[in-house]
Amino acid sequence: MPDIFQFIDDINSDKQSMVAERLESRAQMAQFAAIRERYFDKIGLPAKGSIHELGCGTGAVCRAIALRPGFAGTVVGSDLSASLIETANEITAKTDLRNIRFYQADGQGSDLHDAQYDLVIAHTVISHVASPAAFLGEAIRLAKPGGRIVIHDGDYASLTFDTGRPELDRKMPELILQAVVANRFVMRELPRLFQQSDISITHAIGDVVLETGNGEYFPGLAKSYCPIAADNGFVEATEVEDWLNAIDHAMSENVFFGACNFVTYCASKPG
């Protein structure tokens, strides 16, 4: 099953809306907002200058950067999906932010904005692309000499659920990964990819998103993406229903468990 994020513009409007809502809701979740702000602080997000987000989706990270106290630079977001860029423009138009713009582009290779940015960020996107090496090359191309590249994403090979239904808890996360994660091991491979590109990693930051007893992110992940596996014939709809019911039951009993590692790399482009 190909990663849904590689062909969002080809799916129906209801699924497009689901993806957009999922991206927006995740960006507002306390754990993810805290992780994002910590790595912004750790890498020393520039208060001035130009920042580019590759694979910006609905623009949530771009807006978070522009809203940081003291930020006086410019933010540009690009995404493969025209529908997500449209959503990003619509949401941003409802704010007072005037230092953000968005455009559609292939994050695995273009000839726009060569070496123009002080910082290039890819936030939860490299796990979805067809070629991580090409995507990293595009991030490096966009950065100025001496500029920085930040890659943040889930180590989705570590994705774990426990609802008290061991067989389904093993099977269903695998189907989620098949539906929405093209490269579950990519964050483990990135040190090698950076080295092959002659780029030095300056920061490596690890975080764990963990929900026990009850949950928001992991139940939402299951409820959003497991039905796609059923729609594509990879699993019976009855099994999906059984597992989603098991998740709800585990939360009602305060015994739900979900966890996944997230990793951030910051690297510098030679000057």
C-alpha atoms as a PDB file:
ATOM      1  CA  MET A   1       0.000   0.000   0.000  1.00  0.00           C
ATOM      2  CA  PRO A   2       1.626   3.343  -1.014  1.00  0.00           C
ATOM      3  CA  ASP A   3       1.930   6.110   1.567  1.00  0.00           C
ATOM      4  CA  ILE A   4      -1.204   8.271   1.405  1.00  0.00           C
ATOM      5  CA  PHE A   5       0.892  11.424   1.801  1.00  0.00           C
ATOM      6  CA  GLN A   6       2.433  10.797  -1.614  1.00  0.00           C
ATOM      7  CA  PHE A   7      -0.888  11.170  -3.424  1.00  0.00           C
ATOM      8  CA  ILE A   8      -3.141  13.343  -1.261  1.00  0.00           C
ATOM      9  CA  ASP A   9      -4.373  15.322  -4.272  1.00  0.00           C
ATOM     10  CA  ASP A  10      -5.675  12.100  -5.821  1.00  0.00           C
ATOM     11  CA  ILE A  11      -7.891  11.011  -2.924  1.00  0.00           C
ATOM     12  CA  ASN A  12     -11.444  12.172  -2.332  1.00  0.00           C
ATOM     13  CA  SER A  13     -12.221  15.435  -0.563  1.00  0.00           C
ATOM     14  CA  ASP A  14     -13.408  13.715   2.616  1.00  0.00           C
ATOM     15  CA  LYS A  15     -10.069  11.936   3.033  1.00  0.00           C
ATOM     16  CA  GLN A  16      -8.190  15.139   2.182  1.00  0.00           C
ATOM     17  CA  SER A  17     -10.102  16.909   4.936  1.00  0.00           C
ATOM     18  CA  MET A  18      -9.345  14.069   7.351  1.00  0.00           C
ATOM     19  CA  VAL A  19      -5.610  14.339   6.628  1.00  0.00           C
ATOM     20  CA  ALA A  20      -5.656  18.137   7.024  1.00  0.00           C
ATOM     21  CA  GLU A  21      -7.596  17.923  10.283  1.00  0.00           C
ATOM     22  CA  ARG A  22      -5.206  15.261  11.549  1.00  0.00           C
ATOM     23  CA  LEU A  23      -2.170  17.452  10.803  1.00  0.00           C
ATOM     24  CA  GLU A  24      -3.723  20.467  12.484  1.00  0.00           C
ATOM     25  CA  SER A  25      -4.896  18.583  15.580  1.00  0.00           C
ATOM     26  CA  ARG A  26      -1.496  16.925  16.077  1.00  0.00           C
ATOM     27  CA  ALA A  27       0.231  20.308  15.901  1.00  0.00           C
ATOM     28  CA  GLN A  28      -1.987  21.555  18.746  1.00  0.00           C
ATOM     29  CA  MET A  29      -1.440  18.550  21.025  1.00  0.00           C
ATOM     30  CA  ALA A  30       0.560  19.504  24.096  1.00  0.00           C
ATOM     31  CA  GLN A  31       3.203  16.769  23.725  1.00  0.00           C
ATOM     32  CA  PHE A  32       3.931  17.632  20.104  1.00  0.00           C
ATOM     33  CA  ALA A  33       3.916  21.382  20.675  1.00  0.00           C
ATOM     34  CA  ALA A  34       6.393  20.908  23.538  1.00  0.00           C
ATOM     35  CA  ILE A  35       8.684  18.728  21.396  1.00  0.00           C
ATOM     36  CA  ARG A  36       8.592  21.298  18.593  1.00  0.00           C
ATOM     37  CA  GLU A  37       9.333  24.239  20.894  1.00  0.00           C
ATOM     38  CA  ARG A  38      12.158  22.341  22.643  1.00  0.00           C
ATOM     39  CA  TYR A  39      13.995  21.660  19.432  1.00  0.00           C
ATOM     40  CA  PHE A  40      13.396  25.242  18.258  1.00  0.00           C
ATOM     41  CA  ASP A  41      15.073  26.390  21.488  1.00  0.00           C
ATOM     42  CA  LYS A  42      17.837  23.773  21.294  1.00  0.00           C
ATOM     43  CA  ILE A  43      18.918  24.619  17.753  1.00  0.00           C
ATOM     44  CA  GLY A  44      18.585  28.359  18.316  1.00  0.00           C
ATOM     45  CA  LEU A  45      15.888  29.256  15.815  1.00  0.00           C
ATOM     46  CA  PRO A  46      17.053  32.497  14.127  1.00  0.00           C
ATOM     47  CA  ALA A  47      15.028  35.554  15.115  1.00  0.00           C
ATOM     48  CA  LYS A  48      15.748  37.142  11.749  1.00  0.00           C
ATOM     49  CA  GLY A  49      16.566  35.816   8.319  1.00  0.00           C
ATOM     50  CA  SER A  50      14.714  33.327   6.168  1.00  0.00           C
ATOM     51  CA  ILE A  51      13.323  29.901   7.061  1.00  0.00           C
ATOM     52  CA  HIS A  52      11.927  27.298   4.681  1.00  0.00           C
ATOM     53  CA  GLU A  53       9.745  24.371   5.721  1.00  0.00           C
ATOM     54  CA  LEU A  54       9.816  21.495   3.263  1.00  0.00           C
ATOM     55  CA  GLY A  55       6.610  19.470   3.299  1.00  0.00           C
ATOM     56  CA  CYS A  56       4.731  22.135   5.249  1.00  0.00           C
ATOM     57  CA  GLY A  57       1.318  20.452   5.013  1.00  0.00           C
ATOM     58  CA  THR A  58      -1.295  22.805   6.468  1.00  0.00           C
ATOM     59  CA  GLY A  59       1.348  25.298   7.583  1.00  0.00           C
ATOM     60  CA  ALA A  60       1.098  24.618  11.323  1.00  0.00           C
ATOM     61  CA  VAL A  61       4.864  24.662  11.910  1.00  0.00           C
ATOM     62  CA  CYS A  62       5.327  27.768   9.759  1.00  0.00           C
ATOM     63  CA  ARG A  63       2.721  29.562  11.859  1.00  0.00           C
ATOM     64  CA  ALA A  64       4.334  28.351  15.095  1.00  0.00           C
ATOM     65  CA  ILE A  65       7.664  29.821  13.967  1.00  0.00           C
ATOM     66  CA  ALA A  66       6.128  33.141  12.907  1.00  0.00           C
ATOM     67  CA  LEU A  67       4.315  33.421  16.251  1.00  0.00           C
ATOM     68  CA  ARG A  68       7.432  32.920  18.391  1.00  0.00           C
ATOM     69  CA  PRO A  69       8.194  35.988  20.548  1.00  0.00           C
ATOM     70  CA  GLY A  70      10.783  38.197  18.903  1.00  0.00           C
ATOM     71  CA  PHE A  71      10.689  36.470  15.526  1.00  0.00           C
ATOM     72  CA  ALA A  72      11.169  39.066  12.773  1.00  0.00           C
ATOM     73  CA  GLY A  73      12.191  36.929   9.832  1.00  0.00           C
ATOM     74  CA  THR A  74      10.304  35.355   6.958  1.00  0.00           C
ATOM     75  CA  VAL A  75       8.895  31.842   6.646  1.00  0.00           C
ATOM     76  CA  VAL A  76       8.259  30.002   3.398  1.00  0.00           C
ATOM     77  CA  GLY A  77       6.462  26.669   3.222  1.00  0.00           C
ATOM     78  CA  SER A  78       6.319  24.257   0.297  1.00  0.00           C
ATOM     79  CA  ASP A  79       4.455  20.996  -0.159  1.00  0.00           C
ATOM     80  CA  LEU A  80       3.834  18.465  -2.903  1.00  0.00           C
ATOM     81  CA  SER A  81       0.071  18.671  -2.318  1.00  0.00           C
ATOM     82  CA  ALA A  82      -1.892  21.523  -3.879  1.00  0.00           C
ATOM     83  CA  SER A  83      -4.833  20.813  -1.571  1.00  0.00           C
ATOM     84  CA  LEU A  84      -2.679  21.127   1.552  1.00  0.00           C
ATOM     85  CA  ILE A  85      -1.129  24.360   0.258  1.00  0.00           C
ATOM     86  CA  GLU A  86      -4.644  25.695  -0.318  1.00  0.00           C
ATOM     87  CA  THR A  87      -5.552  24.781   3.265  1.00  0.00           C
ATOM     88  CA  ALA A  88      -2.363  26.404   4.576  1.00  0.00           C
ATOM     89  CA  ASN A  89      -3.210  29.636   2.767  1.00  0.00           C
ATOM     90  CA  GLU A  90      -6.800  29.578   4.014  1.00  0.00           C
ATOM     91  CA  ILE A  91      -5.799  29.074   7.657  1.00  0.00           C
ATOM     92  CA  THR A  92      -3.019  31.671   7.538  1.00  0.00           C
ATOM     93  CA  ALA A  93      -5.318  34.228   5.888  1.00  0.00           C
ATOM     94  CA  LYS A  94      -7.438  34.159   9.052  1.00  0.00           C
ATOM     95  CA  THR A  95      -4.456  35.296  11.153  1.00  0.00           C
ATOM     96  CA  ASP A  96      -2.544  38.572  11.363  1.00  0.00           C
ATOM     97  CA  LEU A  97       0.634  36.901  10.110  1.00  0.00           C
ATOM     98  CA  ARG A  98       2.108  38.632   7.076  1.00  0.00           C
ATOM     99  CA  ASN A  99       5.584  37.094   6.980  1.00  0.00           C
ATOM    100  CA  ILE A 100       4.555  33.632   5.676  1.00  0.00           C
ATOM    101  CA  ARG A 101       3.967  32.434   2.150  1.00  0.00           C
ATOM    102  CA  PHE A 102       3.360  29.009   0.638  1.00  0.00           C
ATOM    103  CA  TYR A 103       3.912  27.399  -2.734  1.00  0.00           C
ATOM    104  CA  GLN A 104       3.568  23.945  -4.269  1.00  0.00           C
ATOM    105  CA  ALA A 105       6.775  22.078  -5.116  1.00  0.00           C
ATOM    106  CA  ASP A 106       8.251  18.588  -5.152  1.00  0.00           C
ATOM    107  CA  GLY A 107      10.413  18.223  -2.047  1.00  0.00           C
ATOM    108  CA  GLN A 108      12.542  15.637  -3.833  1.00  0.00           C
ATOM    109  CA  GLY A 109      13.907  17.997  -6.445  1.00  0.00           C
ATOM    110  CA  SER A 110      13.236  21.402  -7.996  1.00  0.00           C
ATOM    111  CA  ASP A 111      15.235  24.383  -9.235  1.00  0.00           C
ATOM    112  CA  LEU A 112      13.582  27.078  -7.100  1.00  0.00           C
ATOM    113  CA  HIS A 113      15.170  29.209  -4.361  1.00  0.00           C
ATOM    114  CA  ASP A 114      18.647  27.728  -4.653  1.00  0.00           C
ATOM    115  CA  ALA A 115      20.770  28.395  -1.515  1.00  0.00           C
ATOM    116  CA  GLN A 116      18.431  31.110  -0.194  1.00  0.00           C
ATOM    117  CA  TYR A 117      17.578  30.057   3.365  1.00  0.00           C
ATOM    118  CA  ASP A 118      19.296  30.386   6.720  1.00  0.00           C
ATOM    119  CA  LEU A 119      17.382  27.379   8.030  1.00  0.00           C
ATOM    120  CA  VAL A 120      15.522  24.566   6.261  1.00  0.00           C
ATOM    121  CA  ILE A 121      13.133  22.479   8.370  1.00  0.00           C
ATOM    122  CA  ALA A 122      11.447  19.193   7.465  1.00  0.00           C
ATOM    123  CA  HIS A 123       8.953  18.390  10.209  1.00  0.00           C
ATOM    124  CA  THR A 124       7.361  14.902  10.064  1.00  0.00           C
ATOM    125  CA  VAL A 125       7.730  14.545   6.307  1.00  0.00           C
ATOM    126  CA  ILE A 126      10.866  12.524   5.434  1.00  0.00           C
ATOM    127  CA  SER A 127       9.145   9.340   6.642  1.00  0.00           C
ATOM    128  CA  HIS A 128       6.576   9.799   3.855  1.00  0.00           C
ATOM    129  CA  VAL A 129       8.652  10.597   0.768  1.00  0.00           C
ATOM    130  CA  ALA A 130       9.572   8.113  -1.973  1.00  0.00           C
ATOM    131  CA  SER A 131      13.301   8.932  -1.777  1.00  0.00           C
ATOM    132  CA  PRO A 132      14.707  10.184   1.557  1.00  0.00           C
ATOM    133  CA  ALA A 133      18.129  10.746  -0.043  1.00  0.00           C
ATOM    134  CA  ALA A 134      16.646  12.984  -2.747  1.00  0.00           C
ATOM    135  CA  PHE A 135      14.589  14.821  -0.142  1.00  0.00           C
ATOM    136  CA  LEU A 136      17.653  15.459   2.026  1.00  0.00           C
ATOM    137  CA  GLY A 137      19.485  16.678  -1.070  1.00  0.00           C
ATOM    138  CA  GLU A 138      16.700  19.186  -1.713  1.00  0.00           C
ATOM    139  CA  ALA A 139      16.892  20.469   1.860  1.00  0.00           C
ATOM    140  CA  ILE A 140      20.651  20.928   1.491  1.00  0.00           C
ATOM    141  CA  ARG A 141      20.209  22.693  -1.864  1.00  0.00           C
ATOM    142  CA  LEU A 142      17.770  25.205  -0.381  1.00  0.00           C
ATOM    143  CA  ALA A 143      20.069  26.118   2.538  1.00  0.00           C
ATOM    144  CA  LYS A 144      22.607  28.898   2.227  1.00  0.00           C
ATOM    145  CA  PRO A 145      26.288  28.041   2.637  1.00  0.00           C
ATOM    146  CA  GLY A 146      26.686  27.884   6.398  1.00  0.00           C
ATOM    147  CA  GLY A 147      22.947  27.460   6.794  1.00  0.00           C
ATOM    148  CA  ARG A 148      21.308  24.726   8.838  1.00  0.00           C
ATOM    149  CA  ILE A 149      19.051  21.784   8.056  1.00  0.00           C
ATOM    150  CA  VAL A 150      16.678  20.315  10.652  1.00  0.00           C
ATOM    151  CA  ILE A 151      14.924  16.983  10.126  1.00  0.00           C
ATOM    152  CA  HIS A 152      12.312  15.937  12.684  1.00  0.00           C
ATOM    153  CA  ASP A 153      10.172  12.816  12.417  1.00  0.00           C
ATOM    154  CA  GLY A 154       8.934   9.702  14.123  1.00  0.00           C
ATOM    155  CA  ASP A 155      11.011   6.569  14.448  1.00  0.00           C
ATOM    156  CA  TYR A 156       7.874   4.723  13.417  1.00  0.00           C
ATOM    157  CA  ALA A 157       9.487   1.305  13.660  1.00  0.00           C
ATOM    158  CA  SER A 158       9.063   1.849  17.408  1.00  0.00           C
ATOM    159  CA  LEU A 159       5.277   2.425  17.180  1.00  0.00           C
ATOM    160  CA  THR A 160       3.569   0.314  19.871  1.00  0.00           C
ATOM    161  CA  PHE A 161       0.004  -0.205  21.056  1.00  0.00           C
ATOM    162  CA  ASP A 162      -1.423  -2.273  23.890  1.00  0.00           C
ATOM    163  CA  THR A 163      -5.172  -2.621  24.268  1.00  0.00           C
ATOM    164  CA  GLY A 164      -5.179  -6.100  25.798  1.00  0.00           C
ATOM    165  CA  ARG A 165      -5.712  -7.685  22.367  1.00  0.00           C
ATOM    166  CA  PRO A 166      -2.150  -8.876  21.538  1.00  0.00           C
ATOM    167  CA  GLU A 167      -2.840 -10.220  18.048  1.00  0.00           C
ATOM    168  CA  LEU A 168      -4.641  -7.073  16.911  1.00  0.00           C
ATOM    169  CA  ASP A 169      -2.110  -4.869  18.728  1.00  0.00           C
ATOM    170  CA  ARG A 170       0.619  -6.392  16.543  1.00  0.00           C
ATOM    171  CA  LYS A 171      -1.335  -6.507  13.302  1.00  0.00           C
ATOM    172  CA  MET A 172      -3.051  -3.132  13.173  1.00  0.00           C
ATOM    173  CA  PRO A 173      -0.052  -0.825  13.762  1.00  0.00           C
ATOM    174  CA  GLU A 174       1.660  -2.639  10.895  1.00  0.00           C
ATOM    175  CA  LEU A 175      -1.282  -1.763   8.651  1.00  0.00           C
ATOM    176  CA  ILE A 176      -1.190   1.856   9.794  1.00  0.00           C
ATOM    177  CA  LEU A 177       2.485   2.009   8.830  1.00  0.00           C
ATOM    178  CA  GLN A 178       1.758   0.492   5.430  1.00  0.00           C
ATOM    179  CA  ALA A 179      -0.919   3.127   4.830  1.00  0.00           C
ATOM    180  CA  VAL A 180       0.847   6.280   5.969  1.00  0.00           C
ATOM    181  CA  VAL A 181       4.588   5.705   6.544  1.00  0.00           C
ATOM    182  CA  ALA A 182       6.775   4.916   3.558  1.00  0.00           C
ATOM    183  CA  ASN A 183      10.040   4.912   5.540  1.00  0.00           C
ATOM    184  CA  ARG A 184       9.611   3.650   9.086  1.00  0.00           C
ATOM    185  CA  PHE A 185      13.377   3.255   9.641  1.00  0.00           C
ATOM    186  CA  VAL A 186      14.507   6.525   8.062  1.00  0.00           C
ATOM    187  CA  MET A 187      15.425   8.312  11.302  1.00  0.00           C
ATOM    188  CA  ARG A 188      17.850   5.467  12.042  1.00  0.00           C
ATOM    189  CA  GLU A 189      19.326   5.814   8.544  1.00  0.00           C
ATOM    190  CA  LEU A 190      19.737   9.598   8.525  1.00  0.00           C
ATOM    191  CA  PRO A 191      23.213   9.745  10.123  1.00  0.00           C
ATOM    192  CA  ARG A 192      24.474   7.705   7.190  1.00  0.00           C
ATOM    193  CA  LEU A 193      22.560   9.830   4.648  1.00  0.00           C
ATOM    194  CA  PHE A 194      23.983  13.029   6.146  1.00  0.00           C
ATOM    195  CA  GLN A 195      27.490  11.553   6.046  1.00  0.00           C
ATOM    196  CA  GLN A 196      27.066  10.558   2.398  1.00  0.00           C
ATOM    197  CA  SER A 197      26.108  14.181   1.683  1.00  0.00           C
ATOM    198  CA  ASP A 198      29.216  15.508   3.498  1.00  0.00           C
ATOM    199  CA  ILE A 199      27.028  17.247   6.080  1.00  0.00           C
ATOM    200  CA  SER A 200      27.883  17.216   9.787  1.00  0.00           C
ATOM    201  CA  ILE A 201      25.168  16.611  12.393  1.00  0.00           C
ATOM    202  CA  THR A 202      25.416  19.165  15.219  1.00  0.00           C
ATOM    203  CA  HIS A 203      22.436  18.073  17.329  1.00  0.00           C
ATOM    204  CA  ALA A 204      20.578  14.793  17.778  1.00  0.00           C
ATOM    205  CA  ILE A 205      17.539  15.049  20.033  1.00  0.00           C
ATOM    206  CA  GLY A 206      15.334  12.164  21.140  1.00  0.00           C
ATOM    207  CA  ASP A 207      11.773  12.330  22.470  1.00  0.00           C
ATOM    208  CA  VAL A 208       9.147   9.753  23.366  1.00  0.00           C
ATOM    209  CA  VAL A 209       5.448  10.370  22.826  1.00  0.00           C
ATOM    210  CA  LEU A 210       3.711   8.188  25.390  1.00  0.00           C
ATOM    211  CA  GLU A 211       0.052   7.833  26.326  1.00  0.00           C
ATOM    212  CA  THR A 212      -1.008   5.539  29.139  1.00  0.00           C
ATOM    213  CA  GLY A 213      -4.395   4.948  30.684  1.00  0.00           C
ATOM    214  CA  ASN A 214      -6.114   7.248  28.216  1.00  0.00           C
ATOM    215  CA  GLY A 215      -4.975   8.735  24.946  1.00  0.00           C
ATOM    216  CA  GLU A 216      -5.447  11.312  22.223  1.00  0.00           C
ATOM    217  CA  TYR A 217      -2.723  10.961  19.596  1.00  0.00           C
ATOM    218  CA  PHE A 218      -2.541   7.183  19.266  1.00  0.00           C
ATOM    219  CA  PRO A 219      -6.307   6.489  19.313  1.00  0.00           C
ATOM    220  CA  GLY A 220      -6.728   9.268  16.760  1.00  0.00           C
ATOM    221  CA  LEU A 221      -3.988   7.738  14.599  1.00  0.00           C
ATOM    222  CA  ALA A 222      -5.768   4.388  14.650  1.00  0.00           C
ATOM    223  CA  LYS A 223      -9.217   5.818  13.989  1.00  0.00           C
ATOM    224  CA  SER A 224      -8.015   8.007  11.125  1.00  0.00           C
ATOM    225  CA  TYR A 225      -5.868   5.546   9.221  1.00  0.00           C
ATOM    226  CA  CYS A 226      -6.966   1.963   9.963  1.00  0.00           C
ATOM    227  CA  PRO A 227     -10.158   2.398   7.880  1.00  0.00           C
ATOM    228  CA  ILE A 228      -7.927   3.222   4.881  1.00  0.00           C
ATOM    229  CA  ALA A 229      -6.374  -0.242   5.184  1.00  0.00           C
ATOM    230  CA  ALA A 230      -9.863  -1.746   5.185  1.00  0.00           C
ATOM    231  CA  ASP A 231     -10.901   0.375   2.176  1.00  0.00           C
ATOM    232  CA  ASN A 232      -7.913  -1.023   0.273  1.00  0.00           C
ATOM    233  CA  GLY A 233      -8.721  -4.621   1.160  1.00  0.00           C
ATOM    234  CA  PHE A 234      -5.716  -5.217   3.441  1.00  0.00           C
ATOM    235  CA  VAL A 235      -7.851  -6.103   6.438  1.00  0.00           C
ATOM    236  CA  GLU A 236     -11.453  -6.941   7.153  1.00  0.00           C
ATOM    237  CA  ALA A 237     -13.565  -4.034   8.310  1.00  0.00           C
ATOM    238  CA  THR A 238     -14.762  -6.192  11.207  1.00  0.00           C
ATOM    239  CA  GLU A 239     -11.178  -6.508  12.495  1.00  0.00           C
ATOM    240  CA  VAL A 240     -10.734  -2.741  12.331  1.00  0.00           C
ATOM    241  CA  GLU A 241     -13.967  -2.283  14.247  1.00  0.00           C
ATOM    242  CA  ASP A 242     -12.869  -4.858  16.848  1.00  0.00           C
ATOM    243  CA  TRP A 243      -9.563  -3.102  17.417  1.00  0.00           C
ATOM    244  CA  LEU A 244     -11.040   0.384  17.587  1.00  0.00           C
ATOM    245  CA  ASN A 245     -13.548  -0.924  20.105  1.00  0.00           C
ATOM    246  CA  ALA A 246     -10.661  -2.477  22.062  1.00  0.00           C
ATOM    247  CA  ILE A 247      -8.931   0.920  22.133  1.00  0.00           C
ATOM    248  CA  ASP A 248     -12.089   2.600  23.443  1.00  0.00           C
ATOM    249  CA  HIS A 249     -12.562  -0.131  26.036  1.00  0.00           C
ATOM    250  CA  ALA A 250      -8.937   0.082  27.212  1.00  0.00           C
ATOM    251  CA  MET A 251      -9.303   3.842  27.634  1.00  0.00           C
ATOM    252  CA  SER A 252     -12.581   3.425  29.527  1.00  0.00           C
ATOM    253  CA  GLU A 253     -10.758   1.066  31.902  1.00  0.00           C
ATOM    254  CA  ASN A 254      -7.759   3.433  32.082  1.00  0.00           C
ATOM    255  CA  VAL A 255      -5.352   0.749  30.810  1.00  0.00           C
ATOM    256  CA  PHE A 256      -4.555   1.964  27.268  1.00  0.00           C
ATOM    257  CA  PHE A 257      -0.896   2.163  26.150  1.00  0.00           C
ATOM    258  CA  GLY A 258       0.598   3.788  23.058  1.00  0.00           C
ATOM    259  CA  ALA A 259       4.161   4.941  22.402  1.00  0.00           C
ATOM    260  CA  CYS A 260       6.534   6.028  19.649  1.00  0.00           C
ATOM    261  CA  ASN A 261      10.021   7.565  19.541  1.00  0.00           C
ATOM    262  CA  PHE A 262      10.627  10.865  17.756  1.00  0.00           C
ATOM    263  CA  VAL A 263      14.032  12.148  16.629  1.00  0.00           C
ATOM    264  CA  THR A 264      15.366  15.543  15.574  1.00  0.00           C
ATOM    265  CA  TYR A 265      18.639  16.060  13.697  1.00  0.00           C
ATOM    266  CA  CYS A 266      20.245  19.438  13.081  1.00  0.00           C
ATOM    267  CA  ALA A 267      23.113  19.733  10.623  1.00  0.00           C
ATOM    268  CA  SER A 268      25.186  22.525   9.084  1.00  0.00           C
ATOM    269  CA  LYS A 269      25.833  23.063   5.391  1.00  0.00           C
ATOM    270  CA  PRO A 270      29.494  23.836   4.692  1.00  0.00           C
ATOM    271  CA  GLY A 271      30.114  27.538   4.200  1.00  0.00           C
END
